[in-house]
Amino acid sequence: MSEPISNKFLTYEQFIAVAESIKDNTGHVTEYSKGKIYYFSPNARHGKTIRNLCNILESKLPMSCVVTNEMHIKFTENEYRIPDISVFCGKSIREKAENDLLYLETPKVVFEVFSESTEENDRGYKMNLYAEKGIEEYLIIDYKNKLIEQYYLYNSSYKLNKKYMNDDVCILLLYPDVKFITSEVFKLFI
């Protein structure tokens, strides 16, 4: 995790009040953790990988699901994180999305696209945080090595299910009708 923007403790409400201003003035999205603000600044390949995957998921998931990115998820009173991609599914999930209440829900599936600077955090702190929250499926995307690691929640921790590369067909465990060729996620231009 990067260094906080400031060492001043903020409540989540104070964070929300300044987060949009920070984005407007710097172009950086921010995360809130333990009362501190952190930059969340992915590079172009990171962003393209996320867009590719969002497009794939939105075209294959059932209508009862919502795919988001750049949205804060509440973990505790002092811990709001932005998974690269979150998948929410359920009977009233679209209504909650329309009313900006998704941040209170627990995603079913989370994807993190890591870089060298975020790998330790994505495999350590965030992985543990997501397991504690009860997120059932966690996929770590390594765009440098064009690899997808799929984990499932078992007894409050994640277990590796499978690693996907090249033209392997990745199948979501919670939504087995969602299948995609791994290399499609890593295309720089579609």
N, C-alpha and C. Protein backbone atom coordinates (compact mmCIF):
# COMPACT_ATOMS: atom_id res chain seq x y z
N MET A 1 0.85 -1.17 0.00
CA MET A 1 0.00 0.00 0.00
C MET A 1 0.89 1.23 0.00
N SER A 2 0.48 2.26 -0.72
CA SER A 2 1.25 3.49 -0.77
C SER A 2 1.13 4.24 0.55
N GLU A 3 1.89 5.31 0.66
CA GLU A 3 1.83 6.16 1.84
C GLU A 3 0.54 6.97 1.79
N PRO A 4 -0.03 7.30 2.95
CA PRO A 4 -1.25 8.12 2.94
C PRO A 4 -0.96 9.52 2.43
N ILE A 5 -1.97 10.15 1.85
CA ILE A 5 -1.84 11.52 1.36
C ILE A 5 -1.54 12.46 2.53
N SER A 6 -2.16 12.20 3.66
CA SER A 6 -1.99 13.02 4.87
C SER A 6 -2.08 12.10 6.08
N ASN A 7 -1.45 12.47 7.15
CA ASN A 7 -1.53 11.67 8.37
C ASN A 7 -2.69 12.08 9.26
N LYS A 8 -3.47 13.07 8.84
CA LYS A 8 -4.62 13.52 9.61
C LYS A 8 -5.73 12.48 9.53
N PHE A 9 -6.30 12.12 10.68
CA PHE A 9 -7.40 11.15 10.73
C PHE A 9 -8.68 11.82 10.23
N LEU A 10 -9.39 11.13 9.33
CA LEU A 10 -10.66 11.61 8.80
C LEU A 10 -11.74 10.56 9.04
N THR A 11 -12.95 11.01 9.28
CA THR A 11 -14.08 10.09 9.29
C THR A 11 -14.42 9.78 7.84
N TYR A 12 -15.22 8.75 7.62
CA TYR A 12 -15.61 8.43 6.25
C TYR A 12 -16.37 9.59 5.61
N GLU A 13 -17.22 10.25 6.38
CA GLU A 13 -17.98 11.38 5.86
C GLU A 13 -17.05 12.50 5.42
N GLN A 14 -15.99 12.77 6.18
CA GLN A 14 -15.00 13.78 5.80
C GLN A 14 -14.26 13.35 4.54
N PHE A 15 -13.94 12.06 4.47
CA PHE A 15 -13.27 11.53 3.28
C PHE A 15 -14.12 11.75 2.04
N ILE A 16 -15.40 11.40 2.10
CA ILE A 16 -16.30 11.55 0.96
C ILE A 16 -16.35 13.02 0.52
N ALA A 17 -16.33 13.92 1.49
CA ALA A 17 -16.39 15.35 1.18
C ALA A 17 -15.18 15.82 0.37
N VAL A 18 -14.01 15.20 0.56
CA VAL A 18 -12.81 15.64 -0.17
C VAL A 18 -12.42 14.73 -1.33
N ALA A 19 -12.94 13.52 -1.38
CA ALA A 19 -12.51 12.55 -2.40
C ALA A 19 -12.78 13.04 -3.82
N GLU A 20 -13.97 13.59 -4.08
CA GLU A 20 -14.29 14.07 -5.43
C GLU A 20 -13.40 15.24 -5.82
N SER A 21 -13.12 16.11 -4.87
CA SER A 21 -12.24 17.25 -5.13
C SER A 21 -10.84 16.78 -5.50
N ILE A 22 -10.36 15.77 -4.79
CA ILE A 22 -9.04 15.21 -5.10
C ILE A 22 -9.04 14.65 -6.52
N LYS A 23 -10.10 13.91 -6.87
CA LYS A 23 -10.18 13.32 -8.22
C LYS A 23 -10.25 14.42 -9.27
N ASP A 24 -11.07 15.45 -9.03
CA ASP A 24 -11.20 16.54 -10.00
C ASP A 24 -9.89 17.29 -10.19
N ASN A 25 -9.14 17.50 -9.11
CA ASN A 25 -7.92 18.30 -9.18
C ASN A 25 -6.68 17.52 -9.59
N THR A 26 -6.65 16.22 -9.31
CA THR A 26 -5.44 15.44 -9.60
C THR A 26 -5.65 14.32 -10.61
N GLY A 27 -6.90 13.92 -10.81
CA GLY A 27 -7.18 12.78 -11.67
C GLY A 27 -7.06 11.45 -10.96
N HIS A 28 -6.69 11.48 -9.68
CA HIS A 28 -6.49 10.25 -8.91
C HIS A 28 -7.76 9.86 -8.16
N VAL A 29 -8.08 8.58 -8.22
CA VAL A 29 -9.11 8.01 -7.37
C VAL A 29 -8.44 7.70 -6.04
N THR A 30 -9.20 7.79 -4.94
CA THR A 30 -8.63 7.55 -3.62
C THR A 30 -9.37 6.44 -2.89
N GLU A 31 -8.68 5.82 -1.94
CA GLU A 31 -9.28 4.83 -1.05
C GLU A 31 -9.18 5.34 0.38
N TYR A 32 -10.06 4.81 1.23
CA TYR A 32 -10.12 5.20 2.63
C TYR A 32 -9.81 3.98 3.48
N SER A 33 -8.78 4.08 4.33
CA SER A 33 -8.41 2.96 5.18
C SER A 33 -7.91 3.48 6.52
N LYS A 34 -8.58 3.05 7.59
CA LYS A 34 -8.17 3.38 8.96
C LYS A 34 -8.01 4.89 9.16
N GLY A 35 -8.95 5.65 8.59
CA GLY A 35 -8.95 7.08 8.78
C GLY A 35 -8.02 7.87 7.89
N LYS A 36 -7.34 7.21 6.97
CA LYS A 36 -6.39 7.87 6.08
C LYS A 36 -6.84 7.74 4.62
N ILE A 37 -6.36 8.68 3.80
CA ILE A 37 -6.65 8.67 2.36
C ILE A 37 -5.41 8.19 1.62
N TYR A 38 -5.62 7.27 0.68
CA TYR A 38 -4.54 6.73 -0.14
C TYR A 38 -4.87 6.93 -1.61
N TYR A 39 -3.84 7.23 -2.41
CA TYR A 39 -4.05 7.30 -3.86
C TYR A 39 -4.26 5.90 -4.41
N PHE A 40 -5.12 5.83 -5.35
CA PHE A 40 -5.41 4.61 -6.10
C PHE A 40 -5.18 5.02 -7.54
N SER A 41 -3.97 4.78 -8.06
CA SER A 41 -3.62 5.34 -9.37
C SER A 41 -3.10 4.27 -10.32
N PRO A 42 -4.00 3.56 -10.98
CA PRO A 42 -3.59 2.52 -11.92
C PRO A 42 -3.02 3.10 -13.21
N ASN A 43 -2.26 2.27 -13.94
CA ASN A 43 -1.72 2.70 -15.22
C ASN A 43 -2.66 2.30 -16.37
N ALA A 44 -2.27 2.60 -17.60
CA ALA A 44 -3.13 2.37 -18.77
C ALA A 44 -3.43 0.89 -18.99
N ARG A 45 -2.43 0.02 -18.85
CA ARG A 45 -2.69 -1.42 -19.05
C ARG A 45 -3.63 -1.95 -17.98
N HIS A 46 -3.46 -1.45 -16.77
CA HIS A 46 -4.34 -1.81 -15.66
C HIS A 46 -5.78 -1.43 -16.02
N GLY A 47 -5.97 -0.21 -16.46
CA GLY A 47 -7.31 0.27 -16.82
C GLY A 47 -7.92 -0.49 -17.97
N LYS A 48 -7.13 -0.79 -18.99
CA LYS A 48 -7.64 -1.53 -20.16
C LYS A 48 -8.03 -2.96 -19.76
N THR A 49 -7.24 -3.58 -18.91
CA THR A 49 -7.56 -4.93 -18.43
C THR A 49 -8.90 -4.92 -17.69
N ILE A 50 -9.11 -3.91 -16.85
CA ILE A 50 -10.37 -3.80 -16.11
C ILE A 50 -11.54 -3.59 -17.07
N ARG A 51 -11.38 -2.70 -18.04
CA ARG A 51 -12.47 -2.46 -19.01
C ARG A 51 -12.80 -3.73 -19.79
N ASN A 52 -11.77 -4.44 -20.24
CA ASN A 52 -12.02 -5.70 -20.97
C ASN A 52 -12.82 -6.67 -20.12
N LEU A 53 -12.39 -6.84 -18.89
CA LEU A 53 -13.06 -7.80 -18.00
C LEU A 53 -14.48 -7.35 -17.66
N CYS A 54 -14.67 -6.06 -17.41
CA CYS A 54 -16.03 -5.56 -17.15
C CYS A 54 -16.95 -5.84 -18.33
N ASN A 55 -16.47 -5.60 -19.54
CA ASN A 55 -17.29 -5.87 -20.74
C ASN A 55 -17.65 -7.34 -20.84
N ILE A 56 -16.68 -8.21 -20.59
CA ILE A 56 -16.94 -9.65 -20.63
C ILE A 56 -17.98 -10.03 -19.59
N LEU A 57 -17.80 -9.58 -18.37
CA LEU A 57 -18.71 -9.95 -17.28
C LEU A 57 -20.12 -9.42 -17.53
N GLU A 58 -20.23 -8.16 -17.94
CA GLU A 58 -21.55 -7.58 -18.18
C GLU A 58 -22.31 -8.31 -19.27
N SER A 59 -21.59 -8.87 -20.24
CA SER A 59 -22.27 -9.58 -21.33
C SER A 59 -22.66 -11.01 -20.95
N LYS A 60 -22.09 -11.55 -19.88
CA LYS A 60 -22.32 -12.96 -19.55
C LYS A 60 -23.04 -13.22 -18.23
N LEU A 61 -23.00 -12.27 -17.30
CA LEU A 61 -23.66 -12.47 -16.01
C LEU A 61 -25.17 -12.35 -16.14
N PRO A 62 -25.92 -12.99 -15.23
CA PRO A 62 -27.38 -12.85 -15.27
C PRO A 62 -27.80 -11.40 -15.00
N MET A 63 -29.01 -11.05 -15.41
CA MET A 63 -29.54 -9.70 -15.23
C MET A 63 -29.65 -9.31 -13.76
N SER A 64 -29.65 -10.27 -12.86
CA SER A 64 -29.74 -9.97 -11.43
C SER A 64 -28.40 -9.54 -10.84
N CYS A 65 -27.40 -9.37 -11.70
CA CYS A 65 -26.06 -8.99 -11.24
C CYS A 65 -25.68 -7.60 -11.75
N VAL A 66 -24.86 -6.93 -10.96
CA VAL A 66 -24.32 -5.62 -11.31
C VAL A 66 -22.80 -5.70 -11.20
N VAL A 67 -22.10 -5.19 -12.22
CA VAL A 67 -20.64 -5.15 -12.23
C VAL A 67 -20.22 -3.71 -11.99
N THR A 68 -19.33 -3.49 -11.03
CA THR A 68 -18.86 -2.13 -10.75
C THR A 68 -17.35 -2.08 -10.68
N ASN A 69 -16.82 -0.90 -10.93
CA ASN A 69 -15.42 -0.63 -10.63
C ASN A 69 -15.36 0.81 -10.13
N GLU A 70 -14.29 1.15 -9.45
CA GLU A 70 -14.13 2.46 -8.83
C GLU A 70 -15.26 2.79 -7.86
N MET A 71 -15.75 1.79 -7.12
CA MET A 71 -16.78 2.04 -6.13
C MET A 71 -16.31 1.57 -4.76
N HIS A 72 -16.44 2.43 -3.78
CA HIS A 72 -16.05 2.07 -2.42
C HIS A 72 -16.98 1.01 -1.86
N ILE A 73 -16.40 0.05 -1.17
CA ILE A 73 -17.14 -0.98 -0.46
C ILE A 73 -16.82 -0.82 1.03
N LYS A 74 -17.84 -0.83 1.86
CA LYS A 74 -17.64 -0.67 3.30
C LYS A 74 -17.25 -2.02 3.92
N PHE A 75 -16.12 -2.05 4.60
CA PHE A 75 -15.68 -3.24 5.31
C PHE A 75 -15.86 -3.06 6.81
N THR A 76 -15.47 -1.91 7.33
CA THR A 76 -15.70 -1.54 8.73
C THR A 76 -15.96 -0.03 8.73
N GLU A 77 -16.19 0.53 9.90
CA GLU A 77 -16.42 1.98 9.98
C GLU A 77 -15.24 2.78 9.44
N ASN A 78 -14.04 2.24 9.57
CA ASN A 78 -12.84 2.96 9.13
C ASN A 78 -12.15 2.30 7.94
N GLU A 79 -12.85 1.44 7.23
CA GLU A 79 -12.22 0.72 6.12
C GLU A 79 -13.18 0.64 4.94
N TYR A 80 -12.92 1.47 3.94
CA TYR A 80 -13.66 1.45 2.68
C TYR A 80 -12.63 1.25 1.59
N ARG A 81 -12.82 0.24 0.76
CA ARG A 81 -11.87 -0.08 -0.29
C ARG A 81 -12.55 -0.05 -1.65
N ILE A 82 -11.73 0.08 -2.69
CA ILE A 82 -12.23 0.06 -4.06
C ILE A 82 -11.63 -1.16 -4.75
N PRO A 83 -12.34 -2.29 -4.74
CA PRO A 83 -11.85 -3.41 -5.56
C PRO A 83 -11.84 -2.98 -7.03
N ASP A 84 -10.93 -3.52 -7.81
CA ASP A 84 -10.90 -3.16 -9.23
C ASP A 84 -12.23 -3.48 -9.89
N ILE A 85 -12.77 -4.66 -9.60
CA ILE A 85 -14.09 -5.03 -10.11
C ILE A 85 -14.83 -5.78 -9.00
N SER A 86 -16.08 -5.41 -8.80
CA SER A 86 -16.95 -6.10 -7.85
C SER A 86 -18.18 -6.58 -8.58
N VAL A 87 -18.62 -7.78 -8.25
CA VAL A 87 -19.84 -8.35 -8.83
C VAL A 87 -20.84 -8.54 -7.69
N PHE A 88 -21.96 -7.86 -7.81
CA PHE A 88 -23.05 -7.96 -6.84
C PHE A 88 -24.21 -8.66 -7.53
N CYS A 89 -24.82 -9.61 -6.85
CA CYS A 89 -25.96 -10.31 -7.43
C CYS A 89 -27.03 -10.49 -6.36
N GLY A 90 -28.26 -10.46 -6.79
CA GLY A 90 -29.35 -10.68 -5.85
C GLY A 90 -30.63 -10.05 -6.35
N LYS A 91 -31.69 -10.37 -5.65
CA LYS A 91 -33.03 -9.97 -6.05
C LYS A 91 -33.19 -8.45 -6.18
N SER A 92 -32.72 -7.69 -5.20
CA SER A 92 -32.94 -6.24 -5.21
C SER A 92 -31.66 -5.45 -5.49
N ILE A 93 -30.67 -6.09 -6.08
CA ILE A 93 -29.36 -5.46 -6.23
C ILE A 93 -29.40 -4.29 -7.21
N ARG A 94 -30.18 -4.38 -8.28
CA ARG A 94 -30.27 -3.27 -9.24
C ARG A 94 -30.90 -2.04 -8.60
N GLU A 95 -31.91 -2.26 -7.78
CA GLU A 95 -32.55 -1.14 -7.08
C GLU A 95 -31.56 -0.47 -6.13
N LYS A 96 -30.77 -1.27 -5.43
CA LYS A 96 -29.77 -0.71 -4.52
C LYS A 96 -28.71 0.06 -5.31
N ALA A 97 -28.35 -0.44 -6.48
CA ALA A 97 -27.37 0.26 -7.32
C ALA A 97 -27.92 1.61 -7.76
N GLU A 98 -29.18 1.65 -8.15
CA GLU A 98 -29.80 2.90 -8.59
C GLU A 98 -29.91 3.90 -7.45
N ASN A 99 -29.98 3.44 -6.22
CA ASN A 99 -30.09 4.32 -5.05
C ASN A 99 -28.76 4.54 -4.34
N ASP A 100 -27.65 4.18 -5.01
CA ASP A 100 -26.30 4.37 -4.46
C ASP A 100 -26.11 3.70 -3.10
N LEU A 101 -26.66 2.51 -2.94
CA LEU A 101 -26.53 1.79 -1.68
C LEU A 101 -25.68 0.52 -1.80
N LEU A 102 -25.08 0.30 -2.96
CA LEU A 102 -24.28 -0.92 -3.14
C LEU A 102 -23.10 -1.00 -2.18
N TYR A 103 -22.55 0.14 -1.80
CA TYR A 103 -21.35 0.12 -0.94
C TYR A 103 -21.61 -0.59 0.38
N LEU A 104 -22.87 -0.73 0.76
CA LEU A 104 -23.22 -1.43 2.01
C LEU A 104 -23.35 -2.94 1.82
N GLU A 105 -23.39 -3.38 0.59
CA GLU A 105 -23.56 -4.80 0.28
C GLU A 105 -22.21 -5.51 0.20
N THR A 106 -22.25 -6.82 0.30
CA THR A 106 -21.05 -7.63 0.12
C THR A 106 -21.04 -8.18 -1.30
N PRO A 107 -20.00 -7.89 -2.08
CA PRO A 107 -19.93 -8.45 -3.42
C PRO A 107 -19.83 -9.98 -3.35
N LYS A 108 -20.31 -10.64 -4.38
CA LYS A 108 -20.16 -12.10 -4.48
C LYS A 108 -18.76 -12.46 -4.97
N VAL A 109 -18.28 -11.66 -5.94
CA VAL A 109 -16.99 -11.91 -6.58
C VAL A 109 -16.23 -10.59 -6.65
N VAL A 110 -14.92 -10.64 -6.40
CA VAL A 110 -14.06 -9.47 -6.53
C VAL A 110 -12.86 -9.84 -7.39
N PHE A 111 -12.47 -8.91 -8.26
CA PHE A 111 -11.28 -9.04 -9.09
C PHE A 111 -10.32 -7.92 -8.72
N GLU A 112 -9.05 -8.25 -8.56
CA GLU A 112 -8.00 -7.24 -8.39
C GLU A 112 -6.97 -7.45 -9.49
N VAL A 113 -6.66 -6.38 -10.20
CA VAL A 113 -5.62 -6.38 -11.23
C VAL A 113 -4.39 -5.77 -10.58
N PHE A 114 -3.38 -6.58 -10.35
CA PHE A 114 -2.24 -6.03 -9.62
C PHE A 114 -1.10 -5.62 -10.52
N SER A 115 -0.28 -4.75 -9.97
CA SER A 115 0.98 -4.36 -10.58
C SER A 115 2.06 -4.67 -9.54
N GLU A 116 3.30 -4.43 -9.90
CA GLU A 116 4.38 -4.71 -8.94
C GLU A 116 4.18 -3.94 -7.64
N SER A 117 3.64 -2.73 -7.74
CA SER A 117 3.50 -1.91 -6.54
C SER A 117 2.30 -2.32 -5.67
N THR A 118 1.34 -3.06 -6.23
CA THR A 118 0.16 -3.44 -5.45
C THR A 118 0.07 -4.93 -5.14
N GLU A 119 0.97 -5.73 -5.70
CA GLU A 119 0.86 -7.19 -5.55
C GLU A 119 0.83 -7.62 -4.09
N GLU A 120 1.74 -7.11 -3.30
CA GLU A 120 1.80 -7.52 -1.89
C GLU A 120 0.49 -7.19 -1.16
N ASN A 121 -0.04 -6.02 -1.41
CA ASN A 121 -1.30 -5.60 -0.79
C ASN A 121 -2.47 -6.45 -1.27
N ASP A 122 -2.53 -6.73 -2.59
CA ASP A 122 -3.63 -7.52 -3.15
C ASP A 122 -3.59 -8.97 -2.68
N ARG A 123 -2.40 -9.51 -2.49
CA ARG A 123 -2.27 -10.91 -2.05
C ARG A 123 -2.29 -11.06 -0.53
N GLY A 124 -2.09 -9.97 0.17
CA GLY A 124 -2.02 -10.02 1.62
C GLY A 124 -3.20 -9.33 2.28
N TYR A 125 -3.03 -8.04 2.51
CA TYR A 125 -4.03 -7.28 3.26
C TYR A 125 -5.42 -7.35 2.64
N LYS A 126 -5.52 -7.04 1.36
CA LYS A 126 -6.85 -7.04 0.73
C LYS A 126 -7.45 -8.44 0.70
N MET A 127 -6.65 -9.44 0.41
CA MET A 127 -7.15 -10.81 0.38
C MET A 127 -7.75 -11.19 1.73
N ASN A 128 -7.06 -10.86 2.80
CA ASN A 128 -7.57 -11.16 4.15
C ASN A 128 -8.83 -10.35 4.45
N LEU A 129 -8.83 -9.09 4.06
CA LEU A 129 -9.99 -8.23 4.27
C LEU A 129 -11.22 -8.78 3.54
N TYR A 130 -11.03 -9.19 2.30
CA TYR A 130 -12.14 -9.73 1.51
C TYR A 130 -12.65 -11.05 2.11
N ALA A 131 -11.74 -11.87 2.60
CA ALA A 131 -12.16 -13.13 3.23
C ALA A 131 -12.96 -12.84 4.50
N GLU A 132 -12.50 -11.90 5.30
CA GLU A 132 -13.24 -11.53 6.52
C GLU A 132 -14.64 -11.01 6.19
N LYS A 133 -14.78 -10.32 5.08
CA LYS A 133 -16.07 -9.77 4.65
C LYS A 133 -16.99 -10.86 4.11
N GLY A 134 -16.42 -12.02 3.75
CA GLY A 134 -17.23 -13.13 3.25
C GLY A 134 -17.43 -13.11 1.75
N ILE A 135 -16.53 -12.45 1.02
CA ILE A 135 -16.60 -12.44 -0.44
C ILE A 135 -16.22 -13.84 -0.92
N GLU A 136 -17.13 -14.48 -1.62
CA GLU A 136 -17.03 -15.91 -1.90
C GLU A 136 -15.99 -16.30 -2.94
N GLU A 137 -15.71 -15.41 -3.89
CA GLU A 137 -14.76 -15.74 -4.95
C GLU A 137 -13.87 -14.53 -5.19
N TYR A 138 -12.56 -14.78 -5.30
CA TYR A 138 -11.59 -13.70 -5.46
C TYR A 138 -10.65 -14.09 -6.59
N LEU A 139 -10.54 -13.22 -7.59
CA LEU A 139 -9.66 -13.48 -8.71
C LEU A 139 -8.59 -12.39 -8.77
N ILE A 140 -7.35 -12.82 -8.85
CA ILE A 140 -6.22 -11.90 -8.96
C ILE A 140 -5.72 -11.96 -10.40
N ILE A 141 -5.64 -10.79 -11.02
CA ILE A 141 -5.25 -10.68 -12.42
C ILE A 141 -3.85 -10.09 -12.49
N ASP A 142 -2.96 -10.80 -13.17
CA ASP A 142 -1.57 -10.36 -13.37
C ASP A 142 -1.41 -10.06 -14.85
N TYR A 143 -1.54 -8.78 -15.24
CA TYR A 143 -1.49 -8.45 -16.67
C TYR A 143 -0.08 -8.56 -17.23
N LYS A 144 0.94 -8.43 -16.40
CA LYS A 144 2.31 -8.54 -16.89
C LYS A 144 2.59 -9.96 -17.38
N ASN A 145 2.15 -10.96 -16.61
CA ASN A 145 2.37 -12.36 -16.98
C ASN A 145 1.14 -13.00 -17.63
N LYS A 146 0.10 -12.19 -17.84
CA LYS A 146 -1.15 -12.66 -18.47
C LYS A 146 -1.68 -13.92 -17.78
N LEU A 147 -1.90 -13.76 -16.48
CA LEU A 147 -2.29 -14.87 -15.61
C LEU A 147 -3.48 -14.46 -14.76
N ILE A 148 -4.41 -15.38 -14.57
CA ILE A 148 -5.54 -15.18 -13.66
C ILE A 148 -5.49 -16.29 -12.62
N GLU A 149 -5.48 -15.90 -11.35
CA GLU A 149 -5.54 -16.86 -10.25
C GLU A 149 -6.93 -16.77 -9.63
N GLN A 150 -7.57 -17.92 -9.48
CA GLN A 150 -8.94 -17.97 -8.95
C GLN A 150 -8.94 -18.62 -7.57
N TYR A 151 -9.52 -17.91 -6.61
CA TYR A 151 -9.61 -18.39 -5.23
C TYR A 151 -11.06 -18.50 -4.81
N TYR A 152 -11.34 -19.43 -3.91
CA TYR A 152 -12.68 -19.55 -3.33
C TYR A 152 -12.56 -19.51 -1.81
N LEU A 153 -13.61 -19.03 -1.18
CA LEU A 153 -13.63 -18.89 0.27
C LEU A 153 -13.95 -20.24 0.91
N TYR A 154 -13.10 -20.65 1.84
CA TYR A 154 -13.29 -21.91 2.54
C TYR A 154 -12.85 -21.71 3.99
N ASN A 155 -13.77 -21.90 4.93
CA ASN A 155 -13.47 -21.70 6.36
C ASN A 155 -12.79 -20.35 6.63
N SER A 156 -13.36 -19.31 6.08
CA SER A 156 -12.93 -17.92 6.33
C SER A 156 -11.57 -17.55 5.74
N SER A 157 -11.05 -18.36 4.83
CA SER A 157 -9.83 -17.96 4.12
C SER A 157 -9.92 -18.46 2.68
N TYR A 158 -9.06 -17.93 1.83
CA TYR A 158 -9.11 -18.29 0.42
C TYR A 158 -8.20 -19.47 0.11
N LYS A 159 -8.71 -20.33 -0.75
CA LYS A 159 -7.95 -21.46 -1.28
C LYS A 159 -7.84 -21.29 -2.79
N LEU A 160 -6.66 -21.56 -3.32
CA LEU A 160 -6.46 -21.47 -4.76
C LEU A 160 -7.24 -22.57 -5.45
N ASN A 161 -8.07 -22.20 -6.42
CA ASN A 161 -8.80 -23.18 -7.21
C ASN A 161 -8.01 -23.53 -8.47
N LYS A 162 -7.60 -22.48 -9.22
CA LYS A 162 -6.95 -22.75 -10.49
C LYS A 162 -6.23 -21.50 -10.98
N LYS A 163 -5.20 -21.72 -11.81
CA LYS A 163 -4.52 -20.63 -12.51
C LYS A 163 -4.84 -20.77 -13.99
N TYR A 164 -5.19 -19.65 -14.60
CA TYR A 164 -5.54 -19.63 -16.02
C TYR A 164 -4.54 -18.78 -16.79
N MET A 165 -4.12 -19.29 -17.96
CA MET A 165 -3.20 -18.56 -18.84
C MET A 165 -3.60 -18.78 -20.29
N ASN A 166 -3.08 -17.92 -21.15
CA ASN A 166 -3.21 -18.07 -22.60
C ASN A 166 -4.65 -18.26 -23.04
N ASP A 167 -4.93 -19.39 -23.67
CA ASP A 167 -6.28 -19.64 -24.18
C ASP A 167 -7.09 -20.55 -23.26
N ASP A 168 -6.68 -20.66 -21.99
CA ASP A 168 -7.50 -21.39 -21.01
C ASP A 168 -8.86 -20.72 -20.90
N VAL A 169 -9.88 -21.52 -20.68
CA VAL A 169 -11.22 -20.99 -20.47
C VAL A 169 -11.43 -20.82 -18.97
N CYS A 170 -11.57 -19.59 -18.55
CA CYS A 170 -11.82 -19.27 -17.14
C CYS A 170 -13.32 -19.37 -16.89
N ILE A 171 -13.69 -20.09 -15.86
CA ILE A 171 -15.10 -20.29 -15.50
C ILE A 171 -15.29 -19.81 -14.07
N LEU A 172 -16.21 -18.86 -13.87
CA LEU A 172 -16.48 -18.41 -12.51
C LEU A 172 -17.12 -19.53 -11.72
N LEU A 173 -16.66 -19.73 -10.51
CA LEU A 173 -17.18 -20.81 -9.67
C LEU A 173 -18.63 -20.55 -9.27
N LEU A 174 -18.95 -19.31 -8.92
CA LEU A 174 -20.31 -18.98 -8.48
C LEU A 174 -21.29 -18.88 -9.64
N TYR A 175 -20.78 -18.60 -10.82
CA TYR A 175 -21.62 -18.44 -12.01
C TYR A 175 -21.00 -19.23 -13.16
N PRO A 176 -21.17 -20.56 -13.15
CA PRO A 176 -20.48 -21.41 -14.13
C PRO A 176 -20.87 -21.15 -15.58
N ASP A 177 -21.95 -20.40 -15.82
CA ASP A 177 -22.28 -20.03 -17.19
C ASP A 177 -21.40 -18.89 -17.69
N VAL A 178 -20.67 -18.25 -16.79
CA VAL A 178 -19.76 -17.18 -17.18
C VAL A 178 -18.41 -17.81 -17.49
N LYS A 179 -18.13 -17.89 -18.79
CA LYS A 179 -16.90 -18.49 -19.28
C LYS A 179 -16.26 -17.52 -20.26
N PHE A 180 -14.94 -17.39 -20.19
CA PHE A 180 -14.25 -16.52 -21.13
C PHE A 180 -12.83 -17.02 -21.33
N ILE A 181 -12.28 -16.71 -22.48
CA ILE A 181 -10.91 -17.09 -22.80
C ILE A 181 -9.97 -16.10 -22.12
N THR A 182 -9.04 -16.61 -21.37
CA THR A 182 -8.14 -15.78 -20.56
C THR A 182 -7.47 -14.69 -21.38
N SER A 183 -7.00 -15.01 -22.57
CA SER A 183 -6.27 -14.03 -23.39
C SER A 183 -7.14 -12.83 -23.77
N GLU A 184 -8.48 -12.99 -23.77
CA GLU A 184 -9.38 -11.88 -24.10
C GLU A 184 -9.27 -10.76 -23.07
N VAL A 185 -8.98 -11.10 -21.84
CA VAL A 185 -8.87 -10.11 -20.77
C VAL A 185 -7.67 -9.19 -21.00
N PHE A 186 -6.64 -9.70 -21.66
CA PHE A 186 -5.38 -8.98 -21.77
C PHE A 186 -5.18 -8.29 -23.11
N LYS A 187 -6.18 -8.29 -23.97
CA LYS A 187 -6.07 -7.59 -25.25
C LYS A 187 -5.97 -6.09 -25.00
N LEU A 188 -4.98 -5.47 -25.61
CA LEU A 188 -4.84 -4.02 -25.43
C LEU A 188 -5.79 -3.25 -26.33
N PHE A 189 -6.12 -3.80 -27.47
CA PHE A 189 -7.05 -3.14 -28.38
C PHE A 189 -8.05 -4.16 -28.88
N ILE A 190 -9.33 -3.84 -28.76
CA ILE A 190 -10.37 -4.77 -29.21
C ILE A 190 -10.99 -4.23 -30.47
